[in-house]
C-alpha cells in the first residue's frame, strides 16, 4: 500500500476506505507523472 503516497488525494481516498476511487486517483497521478517526464 506504499503506492497511496504518490499523491495527497490518494491518501484521502484510502482513508475513506474507497479502494476503487483511490485506485483511479493513483492511475490519474501516474499518468500525469508520466506525461511530465516526456
PDB file of N, CA and C in Angstrom:
ATOM      1  N   UNK A   1       0.829  -1.204   0.000  1.00  0.00           N
ATOM      2  CA  UNK A   1       0.000   0.000   0.000  1.00  0.00           C
ATOM      3  C   UNK A   1       0.861   1.250   0.000  1.00  0.00           C
ATOM      4  N   UNK A   2       2.133   1.104  -0.383  1.00  0.00           N
ATOM      5  CA  UNK A   2       3.019   2.259  -0.415  1.00  0.00           C
ATOM      6  C   UNK A   2       2.700   3.173  -1.593  1.00  0.00           C
ATOM      7  N   UNK A   3       1.980   2.643  -2.571  1.00  0.00           N
ATOM      8  CA  UNK A   3       1.662   3.431  -3.756  1.00  0.00           C
ATOM      9  C   UNK A   3       0.695   4.568  -3.437  1.00  0.00           C
ATOM     10  N   UNK A   4      -0.020   4.475  -2.318  1.00  0.00           N
ATOM     11  CA  UNK A   4      -1.016   5.502  -1.999  1.00  0.00           C
ATOM     12  C   UNK A   4      -0.343   6.819  -1.666  1.00  0.00           C
ATOM     13  N   UNK A   5       0.972   6.800  -1.484  1.00  0.00           N
ATOM     14  CA  UNK A   5       1.688   8.022  -1.104  1.00  0.00           C
ATOM     15  C   UNK A   5       2.087   8.837  -2.334  1.00  0.00           C
ATOM     16  N   UNK A   6       1.725   8.348  -3.531  1.00  0.00           N
ATOM     17  CA  UNK A   6       2.098   9.055  -4.758  1.00  0.00           C
ATOM     18  C   UNK A   6       1.501  10.461  -4.758  1.00  0.00           C
ATOM     19  N   UNK A   7       0.247  10.578  -4.363  1.00  0.00           N
ATOM     20  CA  UNK A   7      -0.435  11.875  -4.350  1.00  0.00           C
ATOM     21  C   UNK A   7      -1.227  12.038  -3.061  1.00  0.00           C
ATOM     22  N   UNK A   8      -1.384  13.269  -2.589  1.00  0.00           N
ATOM     23  CA  UNK A   8      -2.149  13.513  -1.364  1.00  0.00           C
ATOM     24  C   UNK A   8      -3.604  13.072  -1.499  1.00  0.00           C
ATOM     25  N   UNK A   9      -4.155  13.199  -2.704  1.00  0.00           N
ATOM     26  CA  UNK A   9      -5.545  12.796  -2.916  1.00  0.00           C
ATOM     27  C   UNK A   9      -5.732  11.302  -2.676  1.00  0.00           C
ATOM     28  N   UNK A  10      -4.710  10.506  -3.021  1.00  0.00           N
ATOM     29  CA  UNK A  10      -4.807   9.061  -2.831  1.00  0.00           C
ATOM     30  C   UNK A  10      -4.928   8.737  -1.353  1.00  0.00           C
ATOM     31  N   UNK A  11      -4.215   9.477  -0.526  1.00  0.00           N
ATOM     32  CA  UNK A  11      -4.262   9.239   0.916  1.00  0.00           C
ATOM     33  C   UNK A  11      -5.668   9.486   1.438  1.00  0.00           C
ATOM     34  N   UNK A  12      -6.275  10.554   0.953  1.00  0.00           N
ATOM     35  CA  UNK A  12      -7.631  10.889   1.388  1.00  0.00           C
ATOM     36  C   UNK A  12      -8.594   9.775   0.991  1.00  0.00           C
ATOM     37  N   UNK A  13      -8.497   9.324  -0.253  1.00  0.00           N
ATOM     38  CA  UNK A  13      -9.388   8.277  -0.736  1.00  0.00           C
ATOM     39  C   UNK A  13      -9.179   6.992   0.050  1.00  0.00           C
ATOM     40  N   UNK A  14      -7.922   6.676   0.330  1.00  0.00           N
ATOM     41  CA  UNK A  14      -7.624   5.459   1.076  1.00  0.00           C
ATOM     42  C   UNK A  14      -8.190   5.572   2.488  1.00  0.00           C
ATOM     43  N   UNK A  15      -8.161   6.773   3.022  1.00  0.00           N
ATOM     44  CA  UNK A  15      -8.674   6.989   4.371  1.00  0.00           C
ATOM     45  C   UNK A  15     -10.178   6.745   4.408  1.00  0.00           C
ATOM     46  N   UNK A  16     -10.842   7.096   3.322  1.00  0.00           N
ATOM     47  CA  UNK A  16     -12.288   6.875   3.238  1.00  0.00           C
ATOM     48  C   UNK A  16     -12.585   5.406   2.951  1.00  0.00           C
ATOM     49  N   UNK A  17     -11.514   4.622   2.806  1.00  0.00           N
ATOM     50  CA  UNK A  17     -11.656   3.183   2.537  1.00  0.00           C
ATOM     51  C   UNK A  17     -12.345   2.937   1.203  1.00  0.00           C
ATOM     52  N   UNK A  18     -12.127   3.829   0.257  1.00  0.00           N
ATOM     53  CA  UNK A  18     -12.705   3.672  -1.073  1.00  0.00           C
ATOM     54  C   UNK A  18     -11.586   3.259  -2.016  1.00  0.00           C
ATOM     55  N   UNK A  19     -11.364   1.967  -2.112  1.00  0.00           N
ATOM     56  CA  UNK A  19     -10.226   1.464  -2.905  1.00  0.00           C
ATOM     57  C   UNK A  19     -10.375   1.799  -4.382  1.00  0.00           C
ATOM     58  N   UNK A  20     -11.587   1.699  -4.873  1.00  0.00           N
ATOM     59  CA  UNK A  20     -11.791   1.987  -6.298  1.00  0.00           C
ATOM     60  C   UNK A  20     -11.402   3.419  -6.617  1.00  0.00           C
ATOM     61  N   UNK A  21     -11.866   4.345  -5.787  1.00  0.00           N
ATOM     62  CA  UNK A  21     -11.583   5.754  -6.045  1.00  0.00           C
ATOM     63  C   UNK A  21     -10.095   6.043  -5.889  1.00  0.00           C
ATOM     64  N   UNK A  22      -9.495   5.473  -4.858  1.00  0.00           N
ATOM     65  CA  UNK A  22      -8.063   5.718  -4.639  1.00  0.00           C
ATOM     66  C   UNK A  22      -7.266   5.135  -5.799  1.00  0.00           C
ATOM     67  N   UNK A  23      -7.731   4.011  -6.328  1.00  0.00           N
ATOM     68  CA  UNK A  23      -7.029   3.403  -7.471  1.00  0.00           C
ATOM     69  C   UNK A  23      -7.101   4.320  -8.679  1.00  0.00           C
ATOM     70  N   UNK A  24      -8.260   4.907  -8.901  1.00  0.00           N
ATOM     71  CA  UNK A  24      -8.413   5.815 -10.039  1.00  0.00           C
ATOM     72  C   UNK A  24      -7.514   7.034  -9.863  1.00  0.00           C
ATOM     73  N   UNK A  25      -7.410   7.510  -8.625  1.00  0.00           N
ATOM     74  CA  UNK A  25      -6.548   8.663  -8.353  1.00  0.00           C
ATOM     75  C   UNK A  25      -5.099   8.300  -8.614  1.00  0.00           C
ATOM     76  N   UNK A  26      -4.712   7.086  -8.232  1.00  0.00           N
ATOM     77  CA  UNK A  26      -3.330   6.641  -8.445  1.00  0.00           C
ATOM     78  C   UNK A  26      -3.043   6.574  -9.942  1.00  0.00           C
ATOM     79  N   UNK A  27      -3.984   6.017 -10.687  1.00  0.00           N
ATOM     80  CA  UNK A  27      -3.804   5.915 -12.142  1.00  0.00           C
ATOM     81  C   UNK A  27      -3.694   7.307 -12.751  1.00  0.00           C
ATOM     82  N   UNK A  28      -4.554   8.209 -12.297  1.00  0.00           N
ATOM     83  CA  UNK A  28      -4.509   9.590 -12.804  1.00  0.00           C
ATOM     84  C   UNK A  28      -3.164  10.215 -12.490  1.00  0.00           C
ATOM     85  N   UNK A  29      -2.694   9.960 -11.274  1.00  0.00           N
ATOM     86  CA  UNK A  29      -1.427  10.537 -10.833  1.00  0.00           C
ATOM     87  C   UNK A  29      -0.275   9.984 -11.670  1.00  0.00           C
ATOM     88  N   UNK A  30      -0.257   8.677 -11.852  1.00  0.00           N
ATOM     89  CA  UNK A  30       0.821   8.047 -12.618  1.00  0.00           C
ATOM     90  C   UNK A  30       0.812   8.591 -14.045  1.00  0.00           C
ATOM     91  N   UNK A  31      -0.379   8.754 -14.599  1.00  0.00           N
ATOM     92  CA  UNK A  31      -0.481   9.248 -15.978  1.00  0.00           C
ATOM     93  C   UNK A  31       0.083  10.659 -16.085  1.00  0.00           C
ATOM     94  N   UNK A  32      -0.278  11.520 -15.147  1.00  0.00           N
ATOM     95  CA  UNK A  32       0.222  12.904 -15.192  1.00  0.00           C
ATOM     96  C   UNK A  32       1.721  12.929 -14.944  1.00  0.00           C
ATOM     97  N   UNK A  33       2.192  12.014 -14.085  1.00  0.00           N
ATOM     98  CA  UNK A  33       3.629  11.949 -13.810  1.00  0.00           C
ATOM     99  C   UNK A  33       4.380  11.502 -15.061  1.00  0.00           C
ATOM    100  N   UNK A  34       3.836  10.519 -15.763  1.00  0.00           N
ATOM    101  CA  UNK A  34       4.474  10.040 -16.992  1.00  0.00           C
ATOM    102  C   UNK A  34       4.466  11.143 -18.051  1.00  0.00           C
ATOM    103  N   UNK A  35       3.377  11.894 -18.116  1.00  0.00           N
ATOM    104  CA  UNK A  35       3.275  12.972 -19.101  1.00  0.00           C
ATOM    105  C   UNK A  35       4.305  14.059 -18.794  1.00  0.00           C
ATOM    106  N   UNK A  36       4.566  14.280 -17.527  1.00  0.00           N
ATOM    107  CA  UNK A  36       5.526  15.312 -17.137  1.00  0.00           C
ATOM    108  C   UNK A  36       6.954  14.876 -17.463  1.00  0.00           C
ATOM    109  N   UNK A  37       7.171  13.564 -17.484  1.00  0.00           N
ATOM    110  CA  UNK A  37       8.516  13.055 -17.767  1.00  0.00           C
ATOM    111  C   UNK A  37       8.849  13.189 -19.250  1.00  0.00           C
ATOM    112  N   UNK A  38       7.826  13.139 -20.106  1.00  0.00           N
ATOM    113  CA  UNK A  38       8.089  13.188 -21.547  1.00  0.00           C
ATOM    114  C   UNK A  38       8.500  14.572 -22.002  1.00  0.00           C
TER     115      UNK A  38
END
